[in-house]
Amino acid sequence: MTPTVAPVLEAKNLVKTYGRVVAVDGASLQLYPGEVLAVVGDNGAGKSTLIKCLSGAETPDEGTIELDGEEISFRRPQDSRDAGIETVYQNLAISPALDIASNLFLGREIRKKGPLGSIFRMLDGSGMKKIAKEQIALLGIGTIQNIGQAAETLSGGQRQAVSVARAAAFGQKLIILDEPTAALGVRESKQVLKLVENLRDRGLPVILISHNMPQVFEVADRIHIQRLGKRIAVVTPKSHTMNEVVAVMTGALEIDEEDQSLGPVR
């Protein structure tokens, strides 16, 4: 069932081509307040390109993107960040030599007040550590105790947690997570999924790109199924099973988006 509230983010009929290759072919997407929307699809389905269009990493050739009902156009990732959209990519973007607080404010460093900051350009290290500690605590990340700890000493799950905390600190509208558990073990994956739930509990909508169906069914409110560059259907973990979603992804089953009924592809 489609929510009755207006979407926070809406993409309409996006098209993105690379020469003769059509990566996104008229795809649409809606993200509603306080929900986790999973985007799933087989390799080559266009989900990564779709997300790049939403995050400013790519510019769609056709179609429109609306944020809070207003049409927007992103020419670079900084444009989406300025609009309140934060993206955590699979390869993270963490500097191993820097501590947790410095990574949290990477590219957004806070300078000291007064002449020390304005003239001598000195950074407010203690202030950034204080805010970083608050953000870590707010998300319930209990495995990180020392904010001054270098990122290279962290586990994979802890590094991902720092990336999510950074996104949560600056993402005013929504957060996009691209395969956040792909390189993690079972225990660390559960920690990241808990962070996703915490973000939703704080009222921050999340787009989760994942190929891990059990994880998708664990945290997603709705599931956007992408195939051959298009949105094939949007279902929920309550309306359809894991096997049905996989079958739709691969083209073995089709869904009538009007009534969400399943039928074999002839």
Protein backbone atom coordinates (compact mmCIF):
# COMPACT_ATOMS: atom_id res chain seq x y z
CA MET A 1 0.00 0.00 0.00
CA THR A 2 1.33 3.44 -0.91
CA PRO A 3 1.72 5.80 2.06
CA THR A 4 -0.70 8.74 2.12
CA VAL A 5 1.95 11.28 3.19
CA ALA A 6 4.08 13.14 0.67
CA PRO A 7 7.48 11.64 -0.14
CA VAL A 8 10.67 13.24 1.16
CA LEU A 9 12.43 12.31 -2.08
CA GLU A 10 10.85 11.43 -5.40
CA ALA A 11 12.54 10.51 -8.67
CA LYS A 12 10.40 10.45 -11.79
CA ASN A 13 11.26 8.61 -15.00
CA LEU A 14 15.03 8.92 -14.68
CA VAL A 15 17.14 7.94 -17.69
CA LYS A 16 20.92 7.58 -17.69
CA THR A 17 22.91 6.29 -20.65
CA TYR A 18 26.60 5.68 -21.26
CA GLY A 19 26.96 5.68 -25.01
CA ARG A 20 24.70 2.89 -26.25
CA VAL A 21 24.35 1.35 -22.79
CA VAL A 22 21.13 2.30 -21.00
CA ALA A 23 21.89 1.99 -17.28
CA VAL A 24 18.64 3.56 -16.02
CA ASP A 25 15.59 3.37 -18.26
CA GLY A 26 12.72 5.50 -16.97
CA ALA A 27 13.09 4.48 -13.33
CA SER A 28 11.05 6.12 -10.57
CA LEU A 29 11.47 6.02 -6.79
CA GLN A 30 9.69 7.40 -3.74
CA LEU A 31 11.12 7.66 -0.23
CA TYR A 32 8.70 8.53 2.57
CA PRO A 33 9.38 10.06 6.01
CA GLY A 34 10.67 7.70 8.68
CA GLU A 35 11.08 4.61 6.52
CA VAL A 36 13.81 2.28 5.32
CA LEU A 37 13.46 1.73 1.58
CA ALA A 38 15.54 -1.17 0.28
CA VAL A 39 16.64 -1.06 -3.37
CA VAL A 40 17.37 -4.52 -4.71
CA GLY A 41 18.20 -5.93 -8.10
CA ASP A 42 20.50 -8.31 -9.92
CA ASN A 43 23.85 -7.19 -11.33
CA GLY A 44 23.24 -4.74 -14.15
CA ALA A 45 19.77 -3.80 -12.90
CA GLY A 46 20.77 -0.14 -12.68
CA LYS A 47 20.36 0.28 -8.93
CA SER A 48 23.84 1.72 -8.38
CA THR A 49 23.43 4.22 -11.22
CA LEU A 50 19.99 5.18 -9.90
CA ILE A 51 21.50 5.92 -6.50
CA LYS A 52 24.35 7.88 -8.05
CA CYS A 53 21.78 10.09 -9.76
CA LEU A 54 20.10 10.70 -6.41
CA SER A 55 23.38 11.49 -4.66
CA GLY A 56 24.83 13.80 -7.31
CA ALA A 57 27.58 11.44 -8.42
CA GLU A 58 25.85 11.23 -11.83
CA THR A 59 23.48 13.57 -13.63
CA PRO A 60 20.45 11.91 -15.27
CA ASP A 61 19.89 12.53 -18.98
CA GLU A 62 16.12 12.70 -18.49
CA GLY A 63 13.61 12.81 -15.66
CA THR A 64 13.23 14.87 -12.52
CA ILE A 65 14.16 14.63 -8.84
CA GLU A 66 12.10 16.33 -6.14
CA LEU A 67 13.11 16.92 -2.52
CA ASP A 68 10.24 17.89 -0.21
CA GLY A 69 8.12 18.57 -3.28
CA GLU A 70 10.59 20.95 -4.94
CA GLU A 71 12.45 19.98 -8.10
CA ILE A 72 16.21 19.90 -7.65
CA SER A 73 19.22 19.25 -9.87
CA PHE A 74 22.50 17.85 -8.57
CA ARG A 75 25.63 18.47 -10.64
CA ARG A 76 28.06 17.06 -8.09
CA PRO A 77 27.96 15.16 -4.79
CA GLN A 78 28.46 18.37 -2.81
CA ASP A 79 25.12 19.63 -4.16
CA SER A 80 23.28 16.69 -2.61
CA ARG A 81 25.15 17.10 0.67
CA ASP A 82 24.23 20.77 0.75
CA ALA A 83 20.59 19.70 0.29
CA GLY A 84 20.79 17.39 3.32
CA ILE A 85 21.41 14.05 1.56
CA GLU A 86 24.31 11.97 2.88
CA THR A 87 25.62 8.87 1.11
CA VAL A 88 27.78 6.09 2.54
CA TYR A 89 29.39 4.11 -0.26
CA GLN A 90 30.58 0.53 -0.01
CA ASN A 91 34.26 1.53 -0.12
CA LEU A 92 33.63 3.94 2.79
CA ALA A 93 35.84 7.08 2.55
CA ILE A 94 37.72 6.93 5.79
CA SER A 95 41.27 8.14 6.31
CA PRO A 96 43.03 5.37 8.29
CA ALA A 97 45.62 7.71 9.82
CA LEU A 98 43.06 10.14 11.26
CA ASP A 99 41.18 9.60 14.50
CA ILE A 100 37.43 9.03 14.71
CA ALA A 101 36.51 12.66 15.35
CA SER A 102 38.67 13.89 12.47
CA ASN A 103 37.05 11.36 10.13
CA LEU A 104 33.61 12.39 11.28
CA PHE A 105 34.33 16.01 10.33
CA LEU A 106 36.48 15.24 7.28
CA GLY A 107 35.92 18.13 4.85
CA ARG A 108 33.68 19.88 7.40
CA GLU A 109 36.20 20.74 10.09
CA ILE A 110 35.19 23.22 12.79
CA ARG A 111 37.59 26.06 13.47
CA LYS A 112 38.20 27.74 16.79
CA LYS A 113 36.20 30.84 17.56
CA GLY A 114 37.74 34.25 17.31
CA PRO A 115 41.10 35.18 15.75
CA LEU A 116 42.56 31.72 16.34
CA GLY A 117 40.08 30.28 13.88
CA SER A 118 39.50 33.17 11.50
CA ILE A 119 43.11 34.37 11.21
CA PHE A 120 45.30 31.45 12.23
CA ARG A 121 42.85 28.84 10.89
CA MET A 122 43.22 26.63 13.94
CA LEU A 123 40.84 23.68 14.27
CA ASP A 124 38.62 23.16 17.29
CA GLY A 125 39.80 19.64 18.09
CA SER A 126 38.12 19.40 21.50
CA GLY A 127 34.83 20.69 20.10
CA MET A 128 34.83 18.16 17.26
CA LYS A 129 35.63 15.32 19.67
CA LYS A 130 32.76 16.37 21.92
CA ILE A 131 30.26 16.40 19.03
CA ALA A 132 31.66 13.14 17.62
CA LYS A 133 31.23 11.44 21.00
CA GLU A 134 27.64 12.67 21.20
CA GLN A 135 26.86 11.34 17.71
CA ILE A 136 28.39 7.96 18.49
CA ALA A 137 26.38 7.74 21.71
CA LEU A 138 23.18 8.93 19.99
CA LEU A 139 23.37 6.02 17.56
CA GLY A 140 24.04 3.56 20.35
CA ILE A 141 27.48 2.55 19.06
CA GLY A 142 28.86 0.92 22.17
CA THR A 143 31.92 -0.71 20.61
CA ILE A 144 33.72 2.62 20.14
CA GLN A 145 34.97 4.08 23.40
CA ASN A 146 37.95 6.25 22.44
CA ILE A 147 37.08 9.08 20.02
CA GLY A 148 40.80 9.85 19.65
CA GLN A 149 41.48 6.34 18.35
CA ALA A 150 42.97 6.11 14.85
CA ALA A 151 40.61 4.66 12.24
CA GLU A 152 43.23 2.12 11.14
CA THR A 153 42.86 0.39 14.52
CA LEU A 154 39.11 -0.11 14.07
CA SER A 155 37.39 -3.26 12.83
CA GLY A 156 35.42 -3.25 9.58
CA GLY A 157 32.15 -2.88 11.45
CA GLN A 158 33.46 -0.02 13.55
CA ARG A 159 34.71 1.82 10.45
CA GLN A 160 31.29 1.40 8.86
CA ALA A 161 29.74 2.69 12.07
CA VAL A 162 31.90 5.82 11.86
CA SER A 163 30.76 6.37 8.26
CA VAL A 164 27.11 5.98 9.27
CA ALA A 165 27.61 8.31 12.25
CA ARG A 166 29.11 10.92 9.92
CA ALA A 167 26.14 10.62 7.59
CA ALA A 168 23.72 10.87 10.51
CA ALA A 169 25.50 13.96 11.84
CA PHE A 170 25.08 15.90 8.61
CA GLY A 171 22.17 14.22 6.81
CA GLN A 172 19.25 16.53 7.49
CA LYS A 173 16.86 14.99 4.96
CA LEU A 174 17.87 11.38 4.29
CA ILE A 175 20.73 8.90 4.21
CA ILE A 176 21.72 6.54 1.39
CA LEU A 177 23.65 3.38 2.33
CA ASP A 178 25.28 1.46 -0.53
CA GLU A 179 25.88 -2.19 0.45
CA PRO A 180 26.88 -1.25 4.03
CA THR A 181 27.42 -4.86 5.16
CA ALA A 182 29.00 -6.34 2.01
CA ALA A 183 32.47 -6.81 3.53
CA LEU A 184 31.39 -7.49 7.11
CA GLY A 185 30.91 -10.61 9.19
CA VAL A 186 27.66 -11.68 10.82
CA ARG A 187 28.23 -9.89 14.14
CA GLU A 188 29.37 -6.63 12.56
CA SER A 189 26.54 -6.77 10.02
CA LYS A 190 24.02 -6.96 12.85
CA GLN A 191 25.62 -3.88 14.39
CA VAL A 192 25.23 -1.91 11.16
CA LEU A 193 21.62 -3.05 10.73
CA LYS A 194 20.94 -1.85 14.27
CA LEU A 195 22.33 1.54 13.26
CA VAL A 196 19.91 1.60 10.31
CA GLU A 197 17.02 0.94 12.68
CA ASN A 198 18.28 3.67 15.03
CA LEU A 199 18.33 6.15 12.15
CA ARG A 200 14.73 5.28 11.31
CA ASP A 201 13.75 5.60 14.96
CA ARG A 202 15.20 9.12 14.91
CA GLY A 203 12.88 9.92 11.99
CA LEU A 204 15.61 9.95 9.34
CA PRO A 205 14.54 8.06 6.18
CA VAL A 206 17.09 5.64 4.73
CA ILE A 207 17.65 4.19 1.26
CA LEU A 208 19.42 0.86 1.65
CA ILE A 209 21.03 -0.78 -1.38
CA SER A 210 21.68 -4.43 -0.65
CA HIS A 211 21.88 -7.88 -2.23
CA ASN A 212 21.44 -9.61 1.14
CA MET A 213 17.77 -10.62 1.22
CA PRO A 214 17.60 -11.73 4.89
CA GLN A 215 19.00 -8.34 5.94
CA VAL A 216 16.60 -6.51 3.64
CA PHE A 217 13.64 -8.36 5.10
CA GLU A 218 14.91 -7.65 8.60
CA VAL A 219 15.02 -3.84 8.39
CA ALA A 220 13.17 -2.64 5.28
CA ASP A 221 9.68 -1.14 5.38
CA ARG A 222 9.36 -1.29 1.58
CA ILE A 223 11.40 -2.98 -1.13
CA HIS A 224 12.03 -1.30 -4.49
CA ILE A 225 12.81 -3.99 -7.09
CA GLN A 226 14.96 -2.87 -10.01
CA ARG A 227 15.45 -4.88 -13.22
CA LEU A 228 16.90 -3.89 -16.60
CA GLY A 229 17.14 -0.25 -15.57
CA LYS A 230 13.50 0.03 -14.49
CA ARG A 231 11.47 -0.22 -11.31
CA ILE A 232 9.59 -3.46 -11.69
CA ALA A 233 7.66 -3.27 -8.43
CA VAL A 234 7.59 -2.00 -4.86
CA VAL A 235 6.59 -4.57 -2.23
CA THR A 236 6.86 -5.03 1.52
CA PRO A 237 8.31 -7.85 3.64
CA LYS A 238 4.75 -8.53 4.80
CA SER A 239 3.17 -8.71 1.34
CA HIS A 240 5.75 -10.92 -0.40
CA THR A 241 8.26 -13.60 0.50
CA MET A 242 11.99 -13.60 -0.03
CA ASN A 243 11.69 -16.18 -2.80
CA GLU A 244 9.07 -14.10 -4.59
CA VAL A 245 11.25 -10.99 -4.50
CA VAL A 246 14.22 -12.92 -5.89
CA ALA A 247 12.00 -14.38 -8.61
CA VAL A 248 10.82 -10.90 -9.60
CA MET A 249 14.43 -9.66 -9.63
CA THR A 250 15.49 -12.39 -12.02
CA GLY A 251 12.41 -12.14 -14.25
CA ALA A 252 10.91 -15.51 -13.28
CA LEU A 253 7.82 -13.78 -11.88
CA GLU A 254 6.15 -10.50 -12.68
CA ILE A 255 4.08 -8.20 -10.49
CA ASP A 256 1.17 -6.04 -11.49
CA GLU A 257 2.08 -2.81 -9.68
CA GLU A 258 -1.58 -1.83 -9.43
CA ASP A 259 -2.63 -4.79 -7.34
CA GLN A 260 0.83 -6.28 -6.53
CA SER A 261 -0.33 -9.70 -7.73
CA LEU A 262 2.23 -12.25 -8.86
CA GLY A 263 2.15 -14.30 -12.02
CA PRO A 264 4.60 -16.43 -13.98
CA VAL A 265 6.38 -14.79 -16.90
CA ARG A 266 5.37 -16.46 -20.14
